[in-house]
Amino acid sequence: MTITAAIVLFSMIWFMVFFVVLPLRLVTQGDVGEVVPGTHSSSPHDAQLGRKAIITTAVAVVLWCGVAAVIVWGPWGVRDLDWFGRMRPPLQAD
């Protein structure tokens, strides 16, 4: 795996985890009863983005280590996903 592939893989995992963590423990303005004029009542009262980014980074690092280990040293390769037999080497003529 190249460094570019590792960075792209980490950023994909990070954003996927971030979108999962984002709505957790969400307190809306409607829940608190302090709706700012011009916003929806479902807008977050205190998004705590810094805390969620730290949690996301910790989870993403663990997941990335697992996925990168499987890609680099894993027992599975691309040929293991060849369900239709299209990656077999061509027959050689004698």
PDB file of N, CA and C in Angstrom:
ATOM      1  N   MET A   1       0.849  -1.168   0.000  1.00  0.00           N
ATOM      2  CA  MET A   1       0.000   0.000   0.000  1.00  0.00           C
ATOM      3  C   MET A   1       0.896   1.233   0.000  1.00  0.00           C
ATOM      4  N   THR A   2       0.609   2.132  -0.888  1.00  0.00           N
ATOM      5  CA  THR A   2       1.395   3.361  -0.956  1.00  0.00           C
ATOM      6  C   THR A   2       0.920   4.337   0.121  1.00  0.00           C
ATOM      7  N   ILE A   3       1.693   5.371   0.348  1.00  0.00           N
ATOM      8  CA  ILE A   3       1.336   6.366   1.360  1.00  0.00           C
ATOM      9  C   ILE A   3       0.065   7.109   0.945  1.00  0.00           C
ATOM     10  N   THR A   4      -0.085   7.343  -0.344  1.00  0.00           N
ATOM     11  CA  THR A   4      -1.289   8.012  -0.821  1.00  0.00           C
ATOM     12  C   THR A   4      -2.524   7.144  -0.586  1.00  0.00           C
ATOM     13  N   ALA A   5      -2.410   5.859  -0.859  1.00  0.00           N
ATOM     14  CA  ALA A   5      -3.529   4.944  -0.619  1.00  0.00           C
ATOM     15  C   ALA A   5      -3.855   4.871   0.867  1.00  0.00           C
ATOM     16  N   ALA A   6      -2.835   4.899   1.717  1.00  0.00           N
ATOM     17  CA  ALA A   6      -3.061   4.863   3.162  1.00  0.00           C
ATOM     18  C   ALA A   6      -3.785   6.117   3.644  1.00  0.00           C
ATOM     19  N   ILE A   7      -3.407   7.263   3.112  1.00  0.00           N
ATOM     20  CA  ILE A   7      -4.056   8.525   3.500  1.00  0.00           C
ATOM     21  C   ILE A   7      -5.500   8.558   3.015  1.00  0.00           C
ATOM     22  N   VAL A   8      -5.728   8.120   1.788  1.00  0.00           N
ATOM     23  CA  VAL A   8      -7.095   8.094   1.247  1.00  0.00           C
ATOM     24  C   VAL A   8      -7.955   7.117   2.044  1.00  0.00           C
ATOM     25  N   LEU A   9      -7.410   5.953   2.377  1.00  0.00           N
ATOM     26  CA  LEU A   9      -8.155   4.974   3.162  1.00  0.00           C
ATOM     27  C   LEU A   9      -8.499   5.534   4.536  1.00  0.00           C
ATOM     28  N   PHE A  10      -7.541   6.198   5.189  1.00  0.00           N
ATOM     29  CA  PHE A  10      -7.811   6.765   6.502  1.00  0.00           C
ATOM     30  C   PHE A  10      -8.868   7.863   6.426  1.00  0.00           C
ATOM     31  N   SER A  11      -8.790   8.723   5.414  1.00  0.00           N
ATOM     32  CA  SER A  11      -9.771   9.800   5.336  1.00  0.00           C
ATOM     33  C   SER A  11     -11.167   9.265   5.022  1.00  0.00           C
ATOM     34  N   MET A  12     -11.274   8.219   4.213  1.00  0.00           N
ATOM     35  CA  MET A  12     -12.577   7.611   3.954  1.00  0.00           C
ATOM     36  C   MET A  12     -13.160   7.012   5.233  1.00  0.00           C
ATOM     37  N   ILE A  13     -12.335   6.292   5.977  1.00  0.00           N
ATOM     38  CA  ILE A  13     -12.797   5.697   7.233  1.00  0.00           C
ATOM     39  C   ILE A  13     -13.146   6.792   8.225  1.00  0.00           C
ATOM     40  N   TRP A  14     -12.349   7.849   8.283  1.00  0.00           N
ATOM     41  CA  TRP A  14     -12.601   8.923   9.242  1.00  0.00           C
ATOM     42  C   TRP A  14     -13.959   9.578   8.986  1.00  0.00           C
ATOM     43  N   PHE A  15     -14.241   9.912   7.731  1.00  0.00           N
ATOM     44  CA  PHE A  15     -15.510  10.571   7.425  1.00  0.00           C
ATOM     45  C   PHE A  15     -16.698   9.641   7.629  1.00  0.00           C
ATOM     46  N   MET A  16     -16.541   8.359   7.339  1.00  0.00           N
ATOM     47  CA  MET A  16     -17.635   7.425   7.578  1.00  0.00           C
ATOM     48  C   MET A  16     -17.934   7.322   9.073  1.00  0.00           C
ATOM     49  N   VAL A  17     -16.893   7.243   9.884  1.00  0.00           N
ATOM     50  CA  VAL A  17     -17.088   7.180  11.331  1.00  0.00           C
ATOM     51  C   VAL A  17     -17.642   8.505  11.841  1.00  0.00           C
ATOM     52  N   PHE A  18     -17.189   9.623  11.289  1.00  0.00           N
ATOM     53  CA  PHE A  18     -17.666  10.935  11.726  1.00  0.00           C
ATOM     54  C   PHE A  18     -19.171  11.080  11.511  1.00  0.00           C
ATOM     55  N   PHE A  19     -19.658  10.610  10.366  1.00  0.00           N
ATOM     56  CA  PHE A  19     -21.087  10.715  10.101  1.00  0.00           C
ATOM     57  C   PHE A  19     -21.900   9.776  10.989  1.00  0.00           C
ATOM     58  N   VAL A  20     -21.276   8.738  11.511  1.00  0.00           N
ATOM     59  CA  VAL A  20     -21.961   7.876  12.469  1.00  0.00           C
ATOM     60  C   VAL A  20     -21.957   8.515  13.851  1.00  0.00           C
ATOM     61  N   VAL A  21     -20.857   9.143  14.239  1.00  0.00           N
ATOM     62  CA  VAL A  21     -20.720   9.734  15.572  1.00  0.00           C
ATOM     63  C   VAL A  21     -21.480  11.056  15.685  1.00  0.00           C
ATOM     64  N   LEU A  22     -21.635  11.763  14.599  1.00  0.00           N
ATOM     65  CA  LEU A  22     -22.229  13.098  14.628  1.00  0.00           C
ATOM     66  C   LEU A  22     -23.597  13.174  15.321  1.00  0.00           C
ATOM     67  N   PRO A  23     -24.537  12.287  15.047  1.00  0.00           N
ATOM     68  CA  PRO A  23     -25.841  12.435  15.710  1.00  0.00           C
ATOM     69  C   PRO A  23     -25.915  11.851  17.122  1.00  0.00           C
ATOM     70  N   LEU A  24     -24.860  11.233  17.618  1.00  0.00           N
ATOM     71  CA  LEU A  24     -24.899  10.645  18.951  1.00  0.00           C
ATOM     72  C   LEU A  24     -24.931  11.733  20.021  1.00  0.00           C
ATOM     73  N   ARG A  25     -25.793  11.555  21.021  1.00  0.00           N
ATOM     74  CA  ARG A  25     -25.959  12.489  22.134  1.00  0.00           C
ATOM     75  C   ARG A  25     -26.255  13.912  21.655  1.00  0.00           C
ATOM     76  N   LEU A  26     -27.055  14.012  20.635  1.00  0.00           N
ATOM     77  CA  LEU A  26     -27.407  15.313  20.071  1.00  0.00           C
ATOM     78  C   LEU A  26     -28.517  15.955  20.897  1.00  0.00           C
ATOM     79  N   VAL A  27     -28.297  17.175  21.328  1.00  0.00           N
ATOM     80  CA  VAL A  27     -29.309  17.959  22.046  1.00  0.00           C
ATOM     81  C   VAL A  27     -29.710  19.097  21.122  1.00  0.00           C
ATOM     82  N   THR A  28     -30.979  19.116  20.746  1.00  0.00           N
ATOM     83  CA  THR A  28     -31.441  20.131  19.802  1.00  0.00           C
ATOM     84  C   THR A  28     -31.897  21.386  20.536  1.00  0.00           C
ATOM     85  N   GLN A  29     -32.059  22.458  19.764  1.00  0.00           N
ATOM     86  CA  GLN A  29     -32.547  23.706  20.341  1.00  0.00           C
ATOM     87  C   GLN A  29     -33.986  23.548  20.823  1.00  0.00           C
ATOM     88  N   GLY A  30     -34.747  22.706  20.153  1.00  0.00           N
ATOM     89  CA  GLY A  30     -36.120  22.457  20.575  1.00  0.00           C
ATOM     90  C   GLY A  30     -36.181  21.705  21.894  1.00  0.00           C
ATOM     91  N   ASP A  31     -35.209  20.802  22.129  1.00  0.00           N
ATOM     92  CA  ASP A  31     -35.157  20.071  23.401  1.00  0.00           C
ATOM     93  C   ASP A  31     -34.870  21.013  24.559  1.00  0.00           C
ATOM     94  N   VAL A  32     -33.974  21.954  24.330  1.00  0.00           N
ATOM     95  CA  VAL A  32     -33.577  22.893  25.379  1.00  0.00           C
ATOM     96  C   VAL A  32     -34.631  23.985  25.548  1.00  0.00           C
ATOM     97  N   GLY A  33     -35.312  24.340  24.477  1.00  0.00           N
ATOM     98  CA  GLY A  33     -36.315  25.393  24.527  1.00  0.00           C
ATOM     99  C   GLY A  33     -35.773  26.760  24.196  1.00  0.00           C
ATOM    100  N   GLU A  34     -34.583  26.823  23.625  1.00  0.00           N
ATOM    101  CA  GLU A  34     -33.948  28.090  23.248  1.00  0.00           C
ATOM    102  C   GLU A  34     -33.710  28.087  21.742  1.00  0.00           C
ATOM    103  N   VAL A  35     -34.725  28.319  20.965  1.00  0.00           N
ATOM    104  CA  VAL A  35     -34.599  28.323  19.509  1.00  0.00           C
ATOM    105  C   VAL A  35     -34.135  29.702  19.060  1.00  0.00           C
ATOM    106  N   VAL A  36     -33.005  29.744  18.382  1.00  0.00           N
ATOM    107  CA  VAL A  36     -32.471  30.997  17.854  1.00  0.00           C
ATOM    108  C   VAL A  36     -33.299  31.394  16.645  1.00  0.00           C
ATOM    109  N   PRO A  37     -33.728  32.645  16.556  1.00  0.00           N
ATOM    110  CA  PRO A  37     -34.524  33.066  15.398  1.00  0.00           C
ATOM    111  C   PRO A  37     -33.769  32.837  14.086  1.00  0.00           C
ATOM    112  N   GLY A  38     -34.475  32.258  13.122  1.00  0.00           N
ATOM    113  CA  GLY A  38     -33.876  31.981  11.820  1.00  0.00           C
ATOM    114  C   GLY A  38     -33.325  30.572  11.689  1.00  0.00           C
ATOM    115  N   THR A  39     -33.403  29.781  12.760  1.00  0.00           N
ATOM    116  CA  THR A  39     -32.924  28.396  12.698  1.00  0.00           C
ATOM    117  C   THR A  39     -34.083  27.449  13.001  1.00  0.00           C
ATOM    118  N   HIS A  40     -33.891  26.199  12.634  1.00  0.00           N
ATOM    119  CA  HIS A  40     -34.897  25.187  12.915  1.00  0.00           C
ATOM    120  C   HIS A  40     -34.782  24.752  14.371  1.00  0.00           C
ATOM    121  N   SER A  41     -35.865  24.227  14.900  1.00  0.00           N
ATOM    122  CA  SER A  41     -35.813  23.742  16.281  1.00  0.00           C
ATOM    123  C   SER A  41     -35.007  22.454  16.386  1.00  0.00           C
ATOM    124  N   SER A  42     -34.748  21.798  15.262  1.00  0.00           N
ATOM    125  CA  SER A  42     -33.936  20.580  15.275  1.00  0.00           C
ATOM    126  C   SER A  42     -32.444  20.863  15.133  1.00  0.00           C
ATOM    127  N   SER A  43     -32.062  22.127  15.072  1.00  0.00           N
ATOM    128  CA  SER A  43     -30.639  22.475  15.007  1.00  0.00           C
ATOM    129  C   SER A  43     -29.971  22.151  16.335  1.00  0.00           C
ATOM    130  N   PRO A  44     -28.705  21.760  16.315  1.00  0.00           N
ATOM    131  CA  PRO A  44     -28.040  21.412  17.561  1.00  0.00           C
ATOM    132  C   PRO A  44     -27.871  22.622  18.472  1.00  0.00           C
ATOM    133  N   HIS A  45     -28.077  22.391  19.740  1.00  0.00           N
ATOM    134  CA  HIS A  45     -27.850  23.446  20.736  1.00  0.00           C
ATOM    135  C   HIS A  45     -26.364  23.618  20.974  1.00  0.00           C
ATOM    136  N   ASP A  46     -25.665  22.526  21.218  1.00  0.00           N
ATOM    137  CA  ASP A  46     -24.209  22.533  21.367  1.00  0.00           C
ATOM    138  C   ASP A  46     -23.692  21.293  20.651  1.00  0.00           C
ATOM    139  N   ALA A  47     -23.115  21.462  19.478  1.00  0.00           N
ATOM    140  CA  ALA A  47     -22.733  20.332  18.639  1.00  0.00           C
ATOM    141  C   ALA A  47     -21.552  19.541  19.195  1.00  0.00           C
ATOM    142  N   GLN A  48     -20.678  20.150  19.977  1.00  0.00           N
ATOM    143  CA  GLN A  48     -19.487  19.511  20.551  1.00  0.00           C
ATOM    144  C   GLN A  48     -18.643  18.854  19.449  1.00  0.00           C
ATOM    145  N   LEU A  49     -18.349  19.611  18.411  1.00  0.00           N
ATOM    146  CA  LEU A  49     -17.622  19.057  17.274  1.00  0.00           C
ATOM    147  C   LEU A  49     -16.200  18.638  17.624  1.00  0.00           C
ATOM    148  N   GLY A  50     -15.556  19.369  18.518  1.00  0.00           N
ATOM    149  CA  GLY A  50     -14.196  18.998  18.899  1.00  0.00           C
ATOM    150  C   GLY A  50     -14.149  17.648  19.582  1.00  0.00           C
ATOM    151  N   ARG A  51     -15.066  17.431  20.494  1.00  0.00           N
ATOM    152  CA  ARG A  51     -15.126  16.148  21.215  1.00  0.00           C
ATOM    153  C   ARG A  51     -15.463  15.016  20.259  1.00  0.00           C
ATOM    154  N   LYS A  52     -16.396  15.251  19.347  1.00  0.00           N
ATOM    155  CA  LYS A  52     -16.773  14.226  18.386  1.00  0.00           C
ATOM    156  C   LYS A  52     -15.654  13.945  17.388  1.00  0.00           C
ATOM    157  N   ALA A  53     -14.871  14.957  17.054  1.00  0.00           N
ATOM    158  CA  ALA A  53     -13.734  14.745  16.159  1.00  0.00           C
ATOM    159  C   ALA A  53     -12.652  13.901  16.838  1.00  0.00           C
ATOM    160  N   ILE A  54     -12.444  14.104  18.119  1.00  0.00           N
ATOM    161  CA  ILE A  54     -11.460  13.300  18.853  1.00  0.00           C
ATOM    162  C   ILE A  54     -11.923  11.853  18.948  1.00  0.00           C
ATOM    163  N   ILE A  55     -13.194  11.640  19.249  1.00  0.00           N
ATOM    164  CA  ILE A  55     -13.736  10.281  19.306  1.00  0.00           C
ATOM    165  C   ILE A  55     -13.644   9.623  17.932  1.00  0.00           C
ATOM    166  N   THR A  56     -13.976  10.382  16.902  1.00  0.00           N
ATOM    167  CA  THR A  56     -13.907   9.865  15.538  1.00  0.00           C
ATOM    168  C   THR A  56     -12.489   9.467  15.172  1.00  0.00           C
ATOM    169  N   THR A  57     -11.520  10.291  15.524  1.00  0.00           N
ATOM    170  CA  THR A  57     -10.130   9.993  15.199  1.00  0.00           C
ATOM    171  C   THR A  57      -9.665   8.735  15.911  1.00  0.00           C
ATOM    172  N   ALA A  58     -10.030   8.567  17.177  1.00  0.00           N
ATOM    173  CA  ALA A  58      -9.621   7.374  17.923  1.00  0.00           C
ATOM    174  C   ALA A  58     -10.213   6.105  17.302  1.00  0.00           C
ATOM    175  N   VAL A  59     -11.489   6.149  16.967  1.00  0.00           N
ATOM    176  CA  VAL A  59     -12.126   4.974  16.367  1.00  0.00           C
ATOM    177  C   VAL A  59     -11.578   4.719  14.968  1.00  0.00           C
ATOM    178  N   ALA A  60     -11.358   5.781  14.209  1.00  0.00           N
ATOM    179  CA  ALA A  60     -10.852   5.633  12.839  1.00  0.00           C
ATOM    180  C   ALA A  60      -9.441   5.062  12.814  1.00  0.00           C
ATOM    181  N   VAL A  61      -8.608   5.437  13.763  1.00  0.00           N
ATOM    182  CA  VAL A  61      -7.244   4.889  13.819  1.00  0.00           C
ATOM    183  C   VAL A  61      -7.288   3.387  14.062  1.00  0.00           C
ATOM    184  N   VAL A  62      -8.141   2.954  14.979  1.00  0.00           N
ATOM    185  CA  VAL A  62      -8.250   1.521  15.262  1.00  0.00           C
ATOM    186  C   VAL A  62      -8.758   0.765  14.040  1.00  0.00           C
ATOM    187  N   LEU A  63      -9.820   1.278  13.414  1.00  0.00           N
ATOM    188  CA  LEU A  63     -10.354   0.628  12.219  1.00  0.00           C
ATOM    189  C   LEU A  63      -9.354   0.638  11.069  1.00  0.00           C
ATOM    190  N   TRP A  64      -8.645   1.762  10.901  1.00  0.00           N
ATOM    191  CA  TRP A  64      -7.673   1.858   9.820  1.00  0.00           C
ATOM    192  C   TRP A  64      -6.536   0.860  10.021  1.00  0.00           C
ATOM    193  N   CYS A  65      -6.086   0.704  11.255  1.00  0.00           N
ATOM    194  CA  CYS A  65      -5.013  -0.271  11.526  1.00  0.00           C
ATOM    195  C   CYS A  65      -5.452  -1.675  11.139  1.00  0.00           C
ATOM    196  N   GLY A  66      -6.684  -2.019  11.466  1.00  0.00           N
ATOM    197  CA  GLY A  66      -7.188  -3.341  11.102  1.00  0.00           C
ATOM    198  C   GLY A  66      -7.308  -3.534   9.604  1.00  0.00           C
ATOM    199  N   VAL A  67      -7.875  -2.555   8.930  1.00  0.00           N
ATOM    200  CA  VAL A  67      -8.055  -2.660   7.482  1.00  0.00           C
ATOM    201  C   VAL A  67      -6.707  -2.643   6.763  1.00  0.00           C
ATOM    202  N   ALA A  68      -5.801  -1.786   7.204  1.00  0.00           N
ATOM    203  CA  ALA A  68      -4.478  -1.725   6.570  1.00  0.00           C
ATOM    204  C   ALA A  68      -3.701  -3.022   6.796  1.00  0.00           C
ATOM    205  N   ALA A  69      -3.841  -3.610   7.977  1.00  0.00           N
ATOM    206  CA  ALA A  69      -3.160  -4.878   8.241  1.00  0.00           C
ATOM    207  C   ALA A  69      -3.692  -5.986   7.342  1.00  0.00           C
ATOM    208  N   VAL A  70      -4.985  -6.014   7.133  1.00  0.00           N
ATOM    209  CA  VAL A  70      -5.558  -7.028   6.246  1.00  0.00           C
ATOM    210  C   VAL A  70      -5.099  -6.793   4.808  1.00  0.00           C
ATOM    211  N   ILE A  71      -4.998  -5.540   4.400  1.00  0.00           N
ATOM    212  CA  ILE A  71      -4.564  -5.244   3.030  1.00  0.00           C
ATOM    213  C   ILE A  71      -3.094  -5.615   2.840  1.00  0.00           C
ATOM    214  N   VAL A  72      -2.254  -5.283   3.813  1.00  0.00           N
ATOM    215  CA  VAL A  72      -0.810  -5.499   3.645  1.00  0.00           C
ATOM    216  C   VAL A  72      -0.415  -6.947   3.918  1.00  0.00           C
ATOM    217  N   TRP A  73      -0.853  -7.517   5.042  1.00  0.00           N
ATOM    218  CA  TRP A  73      -0.413  -8.852   5.438  1.00  0.00           C
ATOM    219  C   TRP A  73      -1.522  -9.888   5.441  1.00  0.00           C
ATOM    220  N   GLY A  74      -2.690  -9.502   5.059  1.00  0.00           N
ATOM    221  CA  GLY A  74      -3.857 -10.355   5.222  1.00  0.00           C
ATOM    222  C   GLY A  74      -3.821 -11.637   4.420  1.00  0.00           C
ATOM    223  N   PRO A  75      -4.609 -12.596   4.847  1.00  0.00           N
ATOM    224  CA  PRO A  75      -4.665 -13.877   4.150  1.00  0.00           C
ATOM    225  C   PRO A  75      -5.494 -13.838   2.885  1.00  0.00           C
ATOM    226  N   TRP A  76      -6.168 -12.731   2.619  1.00  0.00           N
ATOM    227  CA  TRP A  76      -7.025 -12.624   1.456  1.00  0.00           C
ATOM    228  C   TRP A  76      -6.399 -11.686   0.437  1.00  0.00           C
ATOM    229  N   GLY A  77      -6.598 -12.019  -0.795  1.00  0.00           N
ATOM    230  CA  GLY A  77      -6.115 -11.176  -1.879  1.00  0.00           C
ATOM    231  C   GLY A  77      -7.215 -10.936  -2.883  1.00  0.00           C
ATOM    232  N   VAL A  78      -6.872 -10.259  -3.949  1.00  0.00           N
ATOM    233  CA  VAL A  78      -7.847  -9.955  -4.984  1.00  0.00           C
ATOM    234  C   VAL A  78      -8.305 -11.248  -5.658  1.00  0.00           C
ATOM    235  N   ARG A  79      -7.414 -12.199  -5.812  1.00  0.00           N
ATOM    236  CA  ARG A  79      -7.777 -13.457  -6.472  1.00  0.00           C
ATOM    237  C   ARG A  79      -8.776 -14.270  -5.656  1.00  0.00           C
ATOM    238  N   ASP A  80      -8.846 -14.040  -4.345  1.00  0.00           N
ATOM    239  CA  ASP A  80      -9.832 -14.733  -3.523  1.00  0.00           C
ATOM    240  C   ASP A  80     -11.244 -14.221  -3.777  1.00  0.00           C
ATOM    241  N   LEU A  81     -11.360 -13.034  -4.335  1.00  0.00           N
ATOM    242  CA  LEU A  81     -12.664 -12.464  -4.650  1.00  0.00           C
ATOM    243  C   LEU A  81     -13.125 -12.793  -6.067  1.00  0.00           C
ATOM    244  N   ASP A  82     -12.345 -13.608  -6.773  1.00  0.00           N
ATOM    245  CA  ASP A  82     -12.649 -13.960  -8.153  1.00  0.00           C
ATOM    246  C   ASP A  82     -13.669 -15.101  -8.164  1.00  0.00           C
ATOM    247  N   TRP A  83     -14.953 -14.746  -8.056  1.00  0.00           N
ATOM    248  CA  TRP A  83     -16.000 -15.752  -7.978  1.00  0.00           C
ATOM    249  C   TRP A  83     -16.362 -16.334  -9.340  1.00  0.00           C
ATOM    250  N   PHE A  84     -16.067 -15.639 -10.386  1.00  0.00           N
ATOM    251  CA  PHE A  84     -16.470 -16.081 -11.709  1.00  0.00           C
ATOM    252  C   PHE A  84     -15.311 -16.637 -12.533  1.00  0.00           C
ATOM    253  N   GLY A  85     -14.129 -16.764 -11.954  1.00  0.00           N
ATOM    254  CA  GLY A  85     -12.994 -17.365 -12.641  1.00  0.00           C
ATOM    255  C   GLY A  85     -12.421 -16.534 -13.760  1.00  0.00           C
ATOM    256  N   ARG A  86     -12.509 -15.243 -13.684  1.00  0.00           N
ATOM    257  CA  ARG A  86     -12.012 -14.386 -14.755  1.00  0.00           C
ATOM    258  C   ARG A  86     -10.552 -13.987 -14.583  1.00  0.00           C
ATOM    259  N   MET A  87      -9.947 -14.321 -13.454  1.00  0.00           N
ATOM    260  CA  MET A  87      -8.562 -13.904 -13.218  1.00  0.00           C
ATOM    261  C   MET A  87      -7.566 -15.050 -13.396  1.00  0.00           C
ATOM    262  N   ARG A  88      -8.029 -16.171 -13.903  1.00  0.00           N
ATOM    263  CA  ARG A  88      -7.113 -17.284 -14.134  1.00  0.00           C
ATOM    264  C   ARG A  88      -6.139 -16.916 -15.242  1.00  0.00           C
ATOM    265  N   PRO A  89      -4.933 -17.395 -15.127  1.00  0.00           N
ATOM    266  CA  PRO A  89      -3.973 -17.082 -16.196  1.00  0.00           C
ATOM    267  C   PRO A  89      -4.417 -17.756 -17.501  1.00  0.00           C
ATOM    268  N   PRO A  90      -4.134 -17.118 -18.624  1.00  0.00           N
ATOM    269  CA  PRO A  90      -4.547 -17.698 -19.911  1.00  0.00           C
ATOM    270  C   PRO A  90      -3.810 -19.013 -20.182  1.00  0.00           C
ATOM    271  N   LEU A  91      -4.439 -19.898 -20.921  1.00  0.00           N
ATOM    272  CA  LEU A  91      -3.816 -21.166 -21.270  1.00  0.00           C
ATOM    273  C   LEU A  91      -2.678 -20.917 -22.243  1.00  0.00           C
ATOM    274  N   GLN A  92      -1.581 -21.620 -22.010  1.00  0.00           N
ATOM    275  CA  GLN A  92      -0.399 -21.457 -22.857  1.00  0.00           C
ATOM    276  C   GLN A  92      -0.374 -22.565 -23.891  1.00  0.00           C
ATOM    277  N   ALA A  93      -0.066 -22.212 -25.110  1.00  0.00           N
ATOM    278  CA  ALA A  93       0.046 -23.195 -26.184  1.00  0.00           C
ATOM    279  C   ALA A  93       1.409 -23.864 -26.096  1.00  0.00           C
ATOM    280  N   ASP A  94       1.432 -25.167 -26.357  1.00  0.00           N
ATOM    281  CA  ASP A  94       2.703 -25.906 -26.313  1.00  0.00           C
ATOM    282  C   ASP A  94       3.488 -25.740 -27.563  1.00  0.00           C
TER     283      ASP A  94
END
